Amino acid sequence: MLEQTVLVTIDEVTFQLKDRHDFRWLENLGTVFAVFDKQDSGNLCLSLRLGYW
C-alpha cells in the first residue's frame, strides 16, 4: 500500500512530505530555489538564496 504524502510549495519549489510542516520560519532567511526530499537518510535539504544577496 502506498503512503499518503502532502505536496508542499515554498516559493516556486514543490516537494513531497509525509506530514504537513510549517516552513514560515524560512521566509525571513531568503528564497528557496531547490529541495532535496528523496534522501536515503530521510532528511530534507533546502537550498536558499539569502535575502541580502
C-alpha atoms as a PDB file:
ATOM      1  CA  MET A   1       0.000   0.000   0.000  1.00  0.00           C
ATOM      2  CA  LEU A   2       1.339   3.443  -0.895  1.00  0.00           C
ATOM      3  CA  GLU A   3       1.818   6.037   1.812  1.00  0.00           C
ATOM      4  CA  GLN A   4      -0.171   9.238   1.536  1.00  0.00           C
ATOM      5  CA  THR A   5       2.015  12.284   1.004  1.00  0.00           C
ATOM      6  CA  VAL A   6       1.411  16.002   1.173  1.00  0.00           C
ATOM      7  CA  LEU A   7       2.582  18.379  -1.545  1.00  0.00           C
ATOM      8  CA  VAL A   8       4.312  21.430  -0.113  1.00  0.00           C
ATOM      9  CA  THR A   9       5.163  24.538  -2.118  1.00  0.00           C
ATOM     10  CA  ILE A  10       7.680  27.072  -0.860  1.00  0.00           C
ATOM     11  CA  ASP A  11       8.366  29.987  -3.169  1.00  0.00           C
ATOM     12  CA  GLU A  12       8.404  28.249  -6.584  1.00  0.00           C
ATOM     13  CA  VAL A  13       9.566  24.806  -5.412  1.00  0.00           C
ATOM     14  CA  THR A  14       7.140  21.929  -4.782  1.00  0.00           C
ATOM     15  CA  PHE A  15       8.078  18.730  -2.941  1.00  0.00           C
ATOM     16  CA  GLN A  16       6.507  15.848  -1.022  1.00  0.00           C
ATOM     17  CA  LEU A  17       6.395  15.173   2.717  1.00  0.00           C
ATOM     18  CA  LYS A  18       4.715  12.516   4.819  1.00  0.00           C
ATOM     19  CA  ASP A  19       3.077  15.182   7.025  1.00  0.00           C
ATOM     20  CA  ARG A  20       2.368  18.915   6.872  1.00  0.00           C
ATOM     21  CA  HIS A  21       5.011  21.191   8.340  1.00  0.00           C
ATOM     22  CA  ASP A  22       5.109  24.935   8.913  1.00  0.00           C
ATOM     23  CA  PHE A  23       8.016  26.394   6.917  1.00  0.00           C
ATOM     24  CA  ARG A  24       7.107  30.043   7.517  1.00  0.00           C
ATOM     25  CA  TRP A  25      10.323  30.444   9.505  1.00  0.00           C
ATOM     26  CA  LEU A  26      12.211  30.320   6.182  1.00  0.00           C
ATOM     27  CA  GLU A  27      10.533  33.496   4.880  1.00  0.00           C
ATOM     28  CA  ASN A  28      12.957  35.808   6.696  1.00  0.00           C
ATOM     29  CA  LEU A  29      16.021  33.872   5.525  1.00  0.00           C
ATOM     30  CA  GLY A  30      15.591  34.106   1.763  1.00  0.00           C
ATOM     31  CA  THR A  31      14.122  32.325  -1.257  1.00  0.00           C
ATOM     32  CA  VAL A  32      14.045  28.540  -1.591  1.00  0.00           C
ATOM     33  CA  PHE A  33      15.350  27.537  -5.018  1.00  0.00           C
ATOM     34  CA  ALA A  34      15.942  23.788  -4.567  1.00  0.00           C
ATOM     35  CA  VAL A  35      14.722  20.991  -2.313  1.00  0.00           C
ATOM     36  CA  PHE A  36      16.251  17.532  -1.985  1.00  0.00           C
ATOM     37  CA  ASP A  37      13.464  15.428  -0.481  1.00  0.00           C
ATOM     38  CA  LYS A  38      14.474  11.941  -1.600  1.00  0.00           C
ATOM     39  CA  GLN A  39      17.444  11.385   0.746  1.00  0.00           C
ATOM     40  CA  ASP A  40      18.235   7.840   1.915  1.00  0.00           C
ATOM     41  CA  SER A  41      18.558   9.244   5.437  1.00  0.00           C
ATOM     42  CA  GLY A  42      15.047  10.687   5.363  1.00  0.00           C
ATOM     43  CA  ASN A  43      16.430  14.195   5.872  1.00  0.00           C
ATOM     44  CA  LEU A  44      15.177  17.183   3.929  1.00  0.00           C
ATOM     45  CA  CYS A  45      17.686  19.564   2.368  1.00  0.00           C
ATOM     46  CA  LEU A  46      16.623  23.076   1.348  1.00  0.00           C
ATOM     47  CA  SER A  47      18.781  25.426  -0.715  1.00  0.00           C
ATOM     48  CA  LEU A  48      18.128  29.120  -0.134  1.00  0.00           C
ATOM     49  CA  ARG A  49      19.152  32.264  -1.916  1.00  0.00           C
ATOM     50  CA  LEU A  50      19.773  34.504   1.069  1.00  0.00           C
ATOM     51  CA  GLY A  51      17.712  37.670   1.322  1.00  0.00           C
ATOM     52  CA  TYR A  52      20.681  40.013   1.389  1.00  0.00           C
ATOM     53  CA  TRP A  53      22.176  38.821  -1.907  1.00  0.00           C
END
